[in-house]
Amino acid sequence: MTVLRVRPEARARLRRLQRSFADSVRTPLLILEDGHGLREESYDPMCVAAIADSPGCPGTRRLGVYNQQYWFRLLTVMQQELPLLRRLIGLTGFNRMVAAYLDLFPSRDASLARLSDRLVEFLNGDERWGSQLLRQAGLLDHLYIRAFDAADGAPLGMDGLSAERAARLLAEPVRFAPAWKLFREDWRLVQARLEARASSDDDAVIAPDPGIGYWAIYRDRHRGVIQEQVDANQYRLLALLDAGQTLTSSCAILAGEIGADACRRLEGSIGEWFHRWARLGWFTATA
């Protein structure tokens, strides 16, 4: 058997060429009002020189085909996964935002499911796209993505609990299911997202009404990722539990915030809430 030996300098040149091609393909598109354009002048010269012309199609244009298809795929995925942001900004503005985001935080994962992992970070630090409305909308879209992709957890069973186990539930932090997320809104964003997903008019820009709301976003094994509205006290209790407080300490903190009389009126309700949330699969069993 003949063994081919590749010289180190040839191997190093191939690596440089691969990086050159990748950088050129990732060159952001020009997002225009009536379509898109290529930034051919930004392609890496090494890559351009290595691509041969063909009849009627210069090498630069051939490279542009790869550049277009790369971005078309990423833009399409983001349009599908971030329906609320798309409808708040409009298609052209949305594509520009995605191009700016992926130029700063390019995809590093083989799975496109991780494409928006740093979107909230981008929106929090960007002057153009970082309004409070867009930050909340981006967070909500991302919570749905993470709830969909999250691993399953063994549900916390509440039937037939021994007295000892019930006492432990009061005194130990509870664990939430990986597919459970908590969200507070200052606009009617959850409803706006539901309407955006149901609408066939993908290009219409929407303006949600102001309004504070509290939601649990979670994955149901029969219905997929869904949402349930909670009130302010339920939200505060869930937030405390999610932060690692025990049910006993959470109730004590809540009592200090809303007053002992108001908390006493909730005493029976809190137990009912906890049992219902457990039945919905919001909590997972501890080891």
C-alpha atoms as a PDB file:
ATOM      1  CA  MET A   1       0.000   0.000   0.000  1.00  0.00           C
ATOM      2  CA  THR A   2       1.316   3.395  -0.971  1.00  0.00           C
ATOM      3  CA  VAL A   3       1.331   5.986   1.785  1.00  0.00           C
ATOM      4  CA  LEU A   4       0.978   9.581   0.641  1.00  0.00           C
ATOM      5  CA  ARG A   5       2.901  12.053   2.725  1.00  0.00           C
ATOM      6  CA  VAL A   6       1.592  15.617   2.821  1.00  0.00           C
ATOM      7  CA  ARG A   7       4.197  18.237   3.467  1.00  0.00           C
ATOM      8  CA  PRO A   8       3.562  20.451   6.517  1.00  0.00           C
ATOM      9  CA  GLU A   9       3.537  23.607   4.394  1.00  0.00           C
ATOM     10  CA  ALA A  10       0.845  22.137   2.118  1.00  0.00           C
ATOM     11  CA  ARG A  11      -1.261  21.146   5.130  1.00  0.00           C
ATOM     12  CA  ALA A  12      -0.892  24.654   6.583  1.00  0.00           C
ATOM     13  CA  ARG A  13      -1.915  26.233   3.263  1.00  0.00           C
ATOM     14  CA  LEU A  14      -5.021  24.030   3.112  1.00  0.00           C
ATOM     15  CA  ARG A  15      -6.016  25.148   6.614  1.00  0.00           C
ATOM     16  CA  ARG A  16      -5.572  28.803   5.611  1.00  0.00           C
ATOM     17  CA  LEU A  17      -7.680  28.230   2.501  1.00  0.00           C
ATOM     18  CA  GLN A  18     -10.430  26.555   4.538  1.00  0.00           C
ATOM     19  CA  ARG A  19     -10.514  29.488   6.956  1.00  0.00           C
ATOM     20  CA  SER A  20     -10.511  31.892   4.011  1.00  0.00           C
ATOM     21  CA  PHE A  21     -13.494  30.136   2.445  1.00  0.00           C
ATOM     22  CA  ALA A  22     -15.404  30.036   5.742  1.00  0.00           C
ATOM     23  CA  ASP A  23     -14.795  33.752   6.372  1.00  0.00           C
ATOM     24  CA  SER A  24     -15.958  34.616   2.867  1.00  0.00           C
ATOM     25  CA  VAL A  25     -19.112  32.499   3.082  1.00  0.00           C
ATOM     26  CA  ARG A  26     -19.988  34.128   6.433  1.00  0.00           C
ATOM     27  CA  THR A  27     -19.664  37.662   5.012  1.00  0.00           C
ATOM     28  CA  PRO A  28     -22.960  39.359   5.951  1.00  0.00           C
ATOM     29  CA  LEU A  29     -25.355  40.177   3.129  1.00  0.00           C
ATOM     30  CA  LEU A  30     -26.510  43.692   2.363  1.00  0.00           C
ATOM     31  CA  ILE A  31     -30.162  43.650   3.471  1.00  0.00           C
ATOM     32  CA  LEU A  32     -31.967  46.062   1.128  1.00  0.00           C
ATOM     33  CA  GLU A  33     -35.563  47.239   1.160  1.00  0.00           C
ATOM     34  CA  ASP A  34     -36.292  45.267  -2.008  1.00  0.00           C
ATOM     35  CA  GLY A  35     -34.041  42.269  -1.452  1.00  0.00           C
ATOM     36  CA  HIS A  36     -30.382  41.746  -0.682  1.00  0.00           C
ATOM     37  CA  GLY A  37     -26.922  42.390  -2.056  1.00  0.00           C
ATOM     38  CA  LEU A  38     -23.476  40.829  -1.790  1.00  0.00           C
ATOM     39  CA  ARG A  39     -20.374  42.377  -0.260  1.00  0.00           C
ATOM     40  CA  GLU A  40     -18.014  40.787  -2.765  1.00  0.00           C
ATOM     41  CA  GLU A  41     -15.295  43.289  -1.943  1.00  0.00           C
ATOM     42  CA  SER A  42     -15.189  41.779   1.562  1.00  0.00           C
ATOM     43  CA  TYR A  43     -14.420  38.241   0.392  1.00  0.00           C
ATOM     44  CA  ASP A  44     -11.007  36.967   1.411  1.00  0.00           C
ATOM     45  CA  PRO A  45      -8.596  37.499  -1.526  1.00  0.00           C
ATOM     46  CA  MET A  46      -7.020  34.067  -0.992  1.00  0.00           C
ATOM     47  CA  CYS A  47     -10.401  32.389  -1.430  1.00  0.00           C
ATOM     48  CA  VAL A  48     -11.305  34.515  -4.464  1.00  0.00           C
ATOM     49  CA  ALA A  49      -8.001  33.663  -6.142  1.00  0.00           C
ATOM     50  CA  ALA A  50      -8.507  29.939  -5.543  1.00  0.00           C
ATOM     51  CA  ILE A  51     -11.944  29.746  -7.230  1.00  0.00           C
ATOM     52  CA  ALA A  52     -11.697  29.387 -10.990  1.00  0.00           C
ATOM     53  CA  ASP A  53     -13.964  31.266 -13.351  1.00  0.00           C
ATOM     54  CA  SER A  54     -16.404  29.279 -15.459  1.00  0.00           C
ATOM     55  CA  PRO A  55     -18.061  30.303 -18.741  1.00  0.00           C
ATOM     56  CA  GLY A  56     -20.409  33.171 -17.955  1.00  0.00           C
ATOM     57  CA  CYS A  57     -19.798  32.996 -14.201  1.00  0.00           C
ATOM     58  CA  PRO A  58     -16.750  34.602 -12.577  1.00  0.00           C
ATOM     59  CA  GLY A  59     -15.255  32.926  -9.530  1.00  0.00           C
ATOM     60  CA  THR A  60     -16.427  35.747  -7.285  1.00  0.00           C
ATOM     61  CA  ARG A  61     -20.022  35.168  -8.341  1.00  0.00           C
ATOM     62  CA  ARG A  62     -19.686  31.449  -7.723  1.00  0.00           C
ATOM     63  CA  LEU A  63     -18.453  32.236  -4.221  1.00  0.00           C
ATOM     64  CA  GLY A  64     -21.413  34.556  -3.840  1.00  0.00           C
ATOM     65  CA  VAL A  65     -23.799  31.629  -4.375  1.00  0.00           C
ATOM     66  CA  TYR A  66     -22.359  29.898  -1.301  1.00  0.00           C
ATOM     67  CA  ASN A  67     -22.496  33.188   0.609  1.00  0.00           C
ATOM     68  CA  GLN A  68     -26.178  33.646  -0.275  1.00  0.00           C
ATOM     69  CA  GLN A  69     -27.222  30.101   0.567  1.00  0.00           C
ATOM     70  CA  TYR A  70     -25.446  30.229   3.916  1.00  0.00           C
ATOM     71  CA  TRP A  71     -27.314  33.379   4.943  1.00  0.00           C
ATOM     72  CA  PHE A  72     -30.647  32.355   3.421  1.00  0.00           C
ATOM     73  CA  ARG A  73     -30.595  29.249   5.603  1.00  0.00           C
ATOM     74  CA  LEU A  74     -29.735  31.158   8.780  1.00  0.00           C
ATOM     75  CA  LEU A  75     -32.279  33.912   8.132  1.00  0.00           C
ATOM     76  CA  THR A  76     -35.014  31.373   7.421  1.00  0.00           C
ATOM     77  CA  VAL A  77     -34.322  29.494  10.664  1.00  0.00           C
ATOM     78  CA  MET A  78     -34.353  32.696  12.707  1.00  0.00           C
ATOM     79  CA  GLN A  79     -37.567  33.898  11.055  1.00  0.00           C
ATOM     80  CA  GLN A  80     -39.251  30.644  12.046  1.00  0.00           C
ATOM     81  CA  GLU A  81     -37.899  30.545  15.602  1.00  0.00           C
ATOM     82  CA  LEU A  82     -38.438  34.223  16.466  1.00  0.00           C
ATOM     83  CA  PRO A  83     -41.940  34.988  15.158  1.00  0.00           C
ATOM     84  CA  LEU A  84     -42.633  37.740  17.685  1.00  0.00           C
ATOM     85  CA  LEU A  85     -39.460  39.697  16.975  1.00  0.00           C
ATOM     86  CA  ARG A  86     -40.046  39.341  13.248  1.00  0.00           C
ATOM     87  CA  ARG A  87     -43.529  40.811  13.477  1.00  0.00           C
ATOM     88  CA  LEU A  88     -42.438  43.628  15.800  1.00  0.00           C
ATOM     89  CA  ILE A  89     -39.594  44.753  13.537  1.00  0.00           C
ATOM     90  CA  GLY A  90     -40.812  43.790  10.073  1.00  0.00           C
ATOM     91  CA  LEU A  91     -39.071  41.378   7.729  1.00  0.00           C
ATOM     92  CA  THR A  92     -36.396  43.727   6.360  1.00  0.00           C
ATOM     93  CA  GLY A  93     -35.521  45.126   9.771  1.00  0.00           C
ATOM     94  CA  PHE A  94     -35.554  41.658  11.277  1.00  0.00           C
ATOM     95  CA  ASN A  95     -33.105  40.332   8.678  1.00  0.00           C
ATOM     96  CA  ARG A  96     -30.817  43.293   9.340  1.00  0.00           C
ATOM     97  CA  MET A  97     -30.936  42.602  13.061  1.00  0.00           C
ATOM     98  CA  VAL A  98     -30.123  38.910  12.508  1.00  0.00           C
ATOM     99  CA  ALA A  99     -27.230  39.823  10.210  1.00  0.00           C
ATOM    100  CA  ALA A 100     -25.839  42.193  12.859  1.00  0.00           C
ATOM    101  CA  TYR A 101     -26.318  39.577  15.587  1.00  0.00           C
ATOM    102  CA  LEU A 102     -24.646  36.731  13.684  1.00  0.00           C
ATOM    103  CA  ASP A 103     -21.834  38.985  12.530  1.00  0.00           C
ATOM    104  CA  LEU A 104     -21.056  39.670  16.208  1.00  0.00           C
ATOM    105  CA  PHE A 105     -21.911  36.163  17.466  1.00  0.00           C
ATOM    106  CA  PRO A 106     -21.416  33.769  14.527  1.00  0.00           C
ATOM    107  CA  SER A 107     -22.765  30.240  14.740  1.00  0.00           C
ATOM    108  CA  ARG A 108     -20.281  27.937  16.508  1.00  0.00           C
ATOM    109  CA  ASP A 109     -22.474  24.856  16.906  1.00  0.00           C
ATOM    110  CA  ALA A 110     -23.248  22.104  14.434  1.00  0.00           C
ATOM    111  CA  SER A 111     -26.931  22.325  15.397  1.00  0.00           C
ATOM    112  CA  LEU A 112     -29.017  25.238  14.173  1.00  0.00           C
ATOM    113  CA  ALA A 113     -31.091  24.811  17.343  1.00  0.00           C
ATOM    114  CA  ARG A 114     -28.362  26.772  19.164  1.00  0.00           C
ATOM    115  CA  LEU A 115     -28.368  29.635  16.674  1.00  0.00           C
ATOM    116  CA  SER A 116     -30.169  32.118  18.941  1.00  0.00           C
ATOM    117  CA  ASP A 117     -28.357  31.216  22.172  1.00  0.00           C
ATOM    118  CA  ARG A 118     -26.731  34.659  22.523  1.00  0.00           C
ATOM    119  CA  LEU A 119     -29.551  36.726  21.054  1.00  0.00           C
ATOM    120  CA  VAL A 120     -30.684  38.092  24.434  1.00  0.00           C
ATOM    121  CA  GLU A 121     -27.096  39.086  25.205  1.00  0.00           C
ATOM    122  CA  PHE A 122     -26.910  40.841  21.825  1.00  0.00           C
ATOM    123  CA  LEU A 123     -30.157  42.746  22.349  1.00  0.00           C
ATOM    124  CA  ASN A 124     -29.140  43.800  25.870  1.00  0.00           C
ATOM    125  CA  GLY A 125     -25.961  45.383  24.530  1.00  0.00           C
ATOM    126  CA  ASP A 126     -27.070  46.832  21.194  1.00  0.00           C
ATOM    127  CA  GLU A 127     -28.104  50.479  20.887  1.00  0.00           C
ATOM    128  CA  ARG A 128     -30.156  50.071  17.712  1.00  0.00           C
ATOM    129  CA  TRP A 129     -32.059  46.889  18.529  1.00  0.00           C
ATOM    130  CA  GLY A 130     -31.917  46.955  22.325  1.00  0.00           C
ATOM    131  CA  SER A 131     -35.159  48.706  23.247  1.00  0.00           C
ATOM    132  CA  GLN A 132     -36.984  47.326  26.288  1.00  0.00           C
ATOM    133  CA  LEU A 133     -39.781  46.033  24.049  1.00  0.00           C
ATOM    134  CA  LEU A 134     -37.427  44.131  21.745  1.00  0.00           C
ATOM    135  CA  ARG A 135     -35.394  42.789  24.684  1.00  0.00           C
ATOM    136  CA  GLN A 136     -38.531  41.333  26.277  1.00  0.00           C
ATOM    137  CA  ALA A 137     -39.773  39.980  22.949  1.00  0.00           C
ATOM    138  CA  GLY A 138     -36.414  38.369  22.209  1.00  0.00           C
ATOM    139  CA  LEU A 139     -36.353  36.798  25.661  1.00  0.00           C
ATOM    140  CA  LEU A 140     -39.874  35.403  25.199  1.00  0.00           C
ATOM    141  CA  ASP A 141     -39.087  33.912  21.789  1.00  0.00           C
ATOM    142  CA  HIS A 142     -35.939  32.371  23.237  1.00  0.00           C
ATOM    143  CA  LEU A 143     -37.795  30.892  26.230  1.00  0.00           C
ATOM    144  CA  TYR A 144     -40.081  29.015  23.861  1.00  0.00           C
ATOM    145  CA  ILE A 145     -37.057  27.674  21.972  1.00  0.00           C
ATOM    146  CA  ARG A 146     -35.323  26.533  25.150  1.00  0.00           C
ATOM    147  CA  ALA A 147     -38.506  24.955  26.529  1.00  0.00           C
ATOM    148  CA  PHE A 148     -38.923  23.009  23.297  1.00  0.00           C
ATOM    149  CA  ASP A 149     -35.316  21.759  23.291  1.00  0.00           C
ATOM    150  CA  ALA A 150     -34.951  21.088  27.030  1.00  0.00           C
ATOM    151  CA  ALA A 151     -34.383  17.587  28.359  1.00  0.00           C
ATOM    152  CA  ASP A 152     -37.145  15.696  30.129  1.00  0.00           C
ATOM    153  CA  GLY A 153     -37.150  15.490  33.910  1.00  0.00           C
ATOM    154  CA  ALA A 154     -38.703  12.910  36.202  1.00  0.00           C
ATOM    155  CA  PRO A 155     -41.921  14.547  37.471  1.00  0.00           C
ATOM    156  CA  LEU A 156     -42.422  15.171  41.157  1.00  0.00           C
ATOM    157  CA  GLY A 157     -45.185  12.809  42.286  1.00  0.00           C
ATOM    158  CA  MET A 158     -47.580  14.224  44.873  1.00  0.00           C
ATOM    159  CA  ASP A 159     -49.795  11.172  45.371  1.00  0.00           C
ATOM    160  CA  GLY A 160     -49.265   8.988  48.435  1.00  0.00           C
ATOM    161  CA  LEU A 161     -46.655  11.220  50.045  1.00  0.00           C
ATOM    162  CA  SER A 162     -45.517  10.119  53.476  1.00  0.00           C
ATOM    163  CA  ALA A 163     -45.528  12.643  56.296  1.00  0.00           C
ATOM    164  CA  GLU A 164     -41.740  12.649  56.235  1.00  0.00           C
ATOM    165  CA  ARG A 165     -41.601  13.333  52.498  1.00  0.00           C
ATOM    166  CA  ALA A 166     -44.198  16.102  52.786  1.00  0.00           C
ATOM    167  CA  ALA A 167     -42.135  17.738  55.521  1.00  0.00           C
ATOM    168  CA  ARG A 168     -39.031  17.543  53.318  1.00  0.00           C
ATOM    169  CA  LEU A 169     -40.865  19.299  50.495  1.00  0.00           C
ATOM    170  CA  LEU A 170     -41.478  22.240  52.807  1.00  0.00           C
ATOM    171  CA  ALA A 171     -37.898  22.395  54.053  1.00  0.00           C
ATOM    172  CA  GLU A 172     -35.887  21.623  50.879  1.00  0.00           C
ATOM    173  CA  PRO A 173     -35.526  23.619  47.651  1.00  0.00           C
ATOM    174  CA  VAL A 174     -37.630  22.269  44.817  1.00  0.00           C
ATOM    175  CA  ARG A 175     -36.270  21.640  41.366  1.00  0.00           C
ATOM    176  CA  PHE A 176     -38.087  22.898  38.304  1.00  0.00           C
ATOM    177  CA  ALA A 177     -38.384  20.891  35.106  1.00  0.00           C
ATOM    178  CA  PRO A 178     -35.774  21.852  32.482  1.00  0.00           C
ATOM    179  CA  ALA A 179     -38.624  22.712  30.080  1.00  0.00           C
ATOM    180  CA  TRP A 180     -40.246  25.190  32.519  1.00  0.00           C
ATOM    181  CA  LYS A 181     -39.570  28.936  32.216  1.00  0.00           C
ATOM    182  CA  LEU A 182     -40.956  31.996  34.011  1.00  0.00           C
ATOM    183  CA  PHE A 183     -41.694  35.258  32.179  1.00  0.00           C
ATOM    184  CA  ARG A 184     -42.882  38.753  33.118  1.00  0.00           C
ATOM    185  CA  GLU A 185     -44.137  41.109  30.394  1.00  0.00           C
ATOM    186  CA  ASP A 186     -44.793  44.849  30.216  1.00  0.00           C
ATOM    187  CA  TRP A 187     -46.693  44.486  26.928  1.00  0.00           C
ATOM    188  CA  ARG A 188     -49.170  41.809  25.821  1.00  0.00           C
ATOM    189  CA  LEU A 189     -46.330  39.874  24.242  1.00  0.00           C
ATOM    190  CA  VAL A 190     -47.466  36.312  24.874  1.00  0.00           C
ATOM    191  CA  GLN A 191     -50.799  36.993  23.193  1.00  0.00           C
ATOM    192  CA  ALA A 192     -49.044  38.878  20.384  1.00  0.00           C
ATOM    193  CA  ARG A 193     -46.759  35.898  19.789  1.00  0.00           C
ATOM    194  CA  LEU A 194     -49.688  33.487  19.661  1.00  0.00           C
ATOM    195  CA  GLU A 195     -51.418  35.735  17.131  1.00  0.00           C
ATOM    196  CA  ALA A 196     -48.226  36.119  15.082  1.00  0.00           C
ATOM    197  CA  ARG A 197     -47.831  32.346  14.829  1.00  0.00           C
ATOM    198  CA  ALA A 198     -51.462  31.917  13.813  1.00  0.00           C
ATOM    199  CA  SER A 199     -51.440  34.703  11.206  1.00  0.00           C
ATOM    200  CA  SER A 200     -50.795  34.077   7.520  1.00  0.00           C
ATOM    201  CA  ASP A 201     -49.659  37.695   7.019  1.00  0.00           C
ATOM    202  CA  ASP A 202     -45.993  37.265   7.908  1.00  0.00           C
ATOM    203  CA  ASP A 203     -44.977  40.745   6.741  1.00  0.00           C
ATOM    204  CA  ALA A 204     -47.433  42.811   8.790  1.00  0.00           C
ATOM    205  CA  VAL A 205     -45.786  44.775  11.604  1.00  0.00           C
ATOM    206  CA  ILE A 206     -47.620  44.606  14.933  1.00  0.00           C
ATOM    207  CA  ALA A 207     -47.631  46.885  17.981  1.00  0.00           C
ATOM    208  CA  PRO A 208     -48.698  45.057  21.173  1.00  0.00           C
ATOM    209  CA  ASP A 209     -50.707  46.902  23.808  1.00  0.00           C
ATOM    210  CA  PRO A 210     -49.031  47.777  27.124  1.00  0.00           C
ATOM    211  CA  GLY A 211     -49.960  45.570  30.049  1.00  0.00           C
ATOM    212  CA  ILE A 212     -48.127  43.729  32.808  1.00  0.00           C
ATOM    213  CA  GLY A 213     -48.537  39.968  32.754  1.00  0.00           C
ATOM    214  CA  TYR A 214     -46.965  36.935  34.393  1.00  0.00           C
ATOM    215  CA  TRP A 215     -46.543  33.590  32.645  1.00  0.00           C
ATOM    216  CA  ALA A 216     -45.136  30.117  33.007  1.00  0.00           C
ATOM    217  CA  ILE A 217     -43.854  28.714  29.709  1.00  0.00           C
ATOM    218  CA  TYR A 218     -43.538  24.945  29.790  1.00  0.00           C
ATOM    219  CA  ARG A 219     -43.647  21.798  27.686  1.00  0.00           C
ATOM    220  CA  ASP A 220     -46.607  19.488  28.034  1.00  0.00           C
ATOM    221  CA  ARG A 221     -46.062  15.952  26.790  1.00  0.00           C
ATOM    222  CA  HIS A 222     -49.352  16.022  24.878  1.00  0.00           C
ATOM    223  CA  ARG A 223     -49.631  19.654  23.759  1.00  0.00           C
ATOM    224  CA  GLY A 224     -46.027  20.683  23.228  1.00  0.00           C
ATOM    225  CA  VAL A 225     -44.767  24.036  24.517  1.00  0.00           C
ATOM    226  CA  ILE A 226     -47.627  26.042  26.008  1.00  0.00           C
ATOM    227  CA  GLN A 227     -48.114  28.916  28.421  1.00  0.00           C
ATOM    228  CA  GLU A 228     -50.179  29.512  31.544  1.00  0.00           C
ATOM    229  CA  GLN A 229     -50.875  32.894  33.041  1.00  0.00           C
ATOM    230  CA  VAL A 230     -50.263  33.343  36.775  1.00  0.00           C
ATOM    231  CA  ASP A 231     -51.034  36.258  39.051  1.00  0.00           C
ATOM    232  CA  ALA A 232     -48.509  38.534  40.760  1.00  0.00           C
ATOM    233  CA  ASN A 233     -48.384  36.526  43.999  1.00  0.00           C
ATOM    234  CA  GLN A 234     -48.007  33.219  42.167  1.00  0.00           C
ATOM    235  CA  TYR A 235     -45.247  34.710  40.035  1.00  0.00           C
ATOM    236  CA  ARG A 236     -43.382  35.983  43.094  1.00  0.00           C
ATOM    237  CA  LEU A 237     -43.685  32.626  44.837  1.00  0.00           C
ATOM    238  CA  LEU A 238     -42.482  30.764  41.741  1.00  0.00           C
ATOM    239  CA  ALA A 239     -39.595  33.191  41.315  1.00  0.00           C
ATOM    240  CA  LEU A 240     -38.495  32.636  44.910  1.00  0.00           C
ATOM    241  CA  LEU A 241     -38.697  28.859  44.504  1.00  0.00           C
ATOM    242  CA  ASP A 242     -36.776  29.064  41.227  1.00  0.00           C
ATOM    243  CA  ALA A 243     -34.082  31.094  43.001  1.00  0.00           C
ATOM    244  CA  GLY A 244     -33.513  28.232  45.455  1.00  0.00           C
ATOM    245  CA  GLN A 245     -35.737  29.236  48.377  1.00  0.00           C
ATOM    246  CA  THR A 246     -37.706  26.507  50.131  1.00  0.00           C
ATOM    247  CA  LEU A 247     -41.492  26.604  50.106  1.00  0.00           C
ATOM    248  CA  THR A 248     -41.441  27.594  53.789  1.00  0.00           C
ATOM    249  CA  SER A 249     -38.954  30.436  53.317  1.00  0.00           C
ATOM    250  CA  SER A 250     -40.710  31.582  50.117  1.00  0.00           C
ATOM    251  CA  CYS A 251     -43.990  31.919  51.974  1.00  0.00           C
ATOM    252  CA  ALA A 252     -42.258  33.869  54.743  1.00  0.00           C
ATOM    253  CA  ILE A 253     -40.678  36.276  52.246  1.00  0.00           C
ATOM    254  CA  LEU A 254     -43.991  36.698  50.437  1.00  0.00           C
ATOM    255  CA  ALA A 255     -45.737  37.419  53.749  1.00  0.00           C
ATOM    256  CA  GLY A 256     -43.201  40.140  54.496  1.00  0.00           C
ATOM    257  CA  GLU A 257     -43.855  41.742  51.111  1.00  0.00           C
ATOM    258  CA  ILE A 258     -47.665  41.633  50.967  1.00  0.00           C
ATOM    259  CA  GLY A 259     -48.444  41.686  54.664  1.00  0.00           C
ATOM    260  CA  ALA A 260     -49.419  38.968  57.113  1.00  0.00           C
ATOM    261  CA  ASP A 261     -53.164  39.463  56.673  1.00  0.00           C
ATOM    262  CA  ALA A 262     -52.992  39.115  52.899  1.00  0.00           C
ATOM    263  CA  CYS A 263     -50.736  36.096  53.237  1.00  0.00           C
ATOM    264  CA  ARG A 264     -53.130  34.403  55.668  1.00  0.00           C
ATOM    265  CA  ARG A 265     -55.864  34.744  53.053  1.00  0.00           C
ATOM    266  CA  LEU A 266     -53.592  32.898  50.631  1.00  0.00           C
ATOM    267  CA  GLU A 267     -52.590  30.060  52.975  1.00  0.00           C
ATOM    268  CA  GLY A 268     -55.103  27.568  51.611  1.00  0.00           C
ATOM    269  CA  SER A 269     -54.485  28.667  48.036  1.00  0.00           C
ATOM    270  CA  ILE A 270     -50.706  28.189  48.194  1.00  0.00           C
ATOM    271  CA  GLY A 271     -51.058  24.481  48.893  1.00  0.00           C
ATOM    272  CA  GLU A 272     -53.535  24.137  46.024  1.00  0.00           C
ATOM    273  CA  TRP A 273     -51.194  26.028  43.704  1.00  0.00           C
ATOM    274  CA  PHE A 274     -48.237  23.828  44.577  1.00  0.00           C
ATOM    275  CA  HIS A 275     -50.185  20.602  44.026  1.00  0.00           C
ATOM    276  CA  ARG A 276     -51.539  21.835  40.710  1.00  0.00           C
ATOM    277  CA  TRP A 277     -48.125  22.948  39.484  1.00  0.00           C
ATOM    278  CA  ALA A 278     -46.740  19.552  40.429  1.00  0.00           C
ATOM    279  CA  ARG A 279     -49.524  17.808  38.475  1.00  0.00           C
ATOM    280  CA  LEU A 280     -48.675  19.953  35.452  1.00  0.00           C
ATOM    281  CA  GLY A 281     -45.099  18.674  35.627  1.00  0.00           C
ATOM    282  CA  TRP A 282     -43.438  21.953  36.598  1.00  0.00           C
ATOM    283  CA  PHE A 283     -41.317  20.288  39.300  1.00  0.00           C
ATOM    284  CA  THR A 284     -38.919  17.366  39.047  1.00  0.00           C
ATOM    285  CA  ALA A 285     -38.151  14.757  41.678  1.00  0.00           C
ATOM    286  CA  THR A 286     -35.023  15.261  43.778  1.00  0.00           C
ATOM    287  CA  ALA A 287     -32.539  12.459  44.183  1.00  0.00           C
END
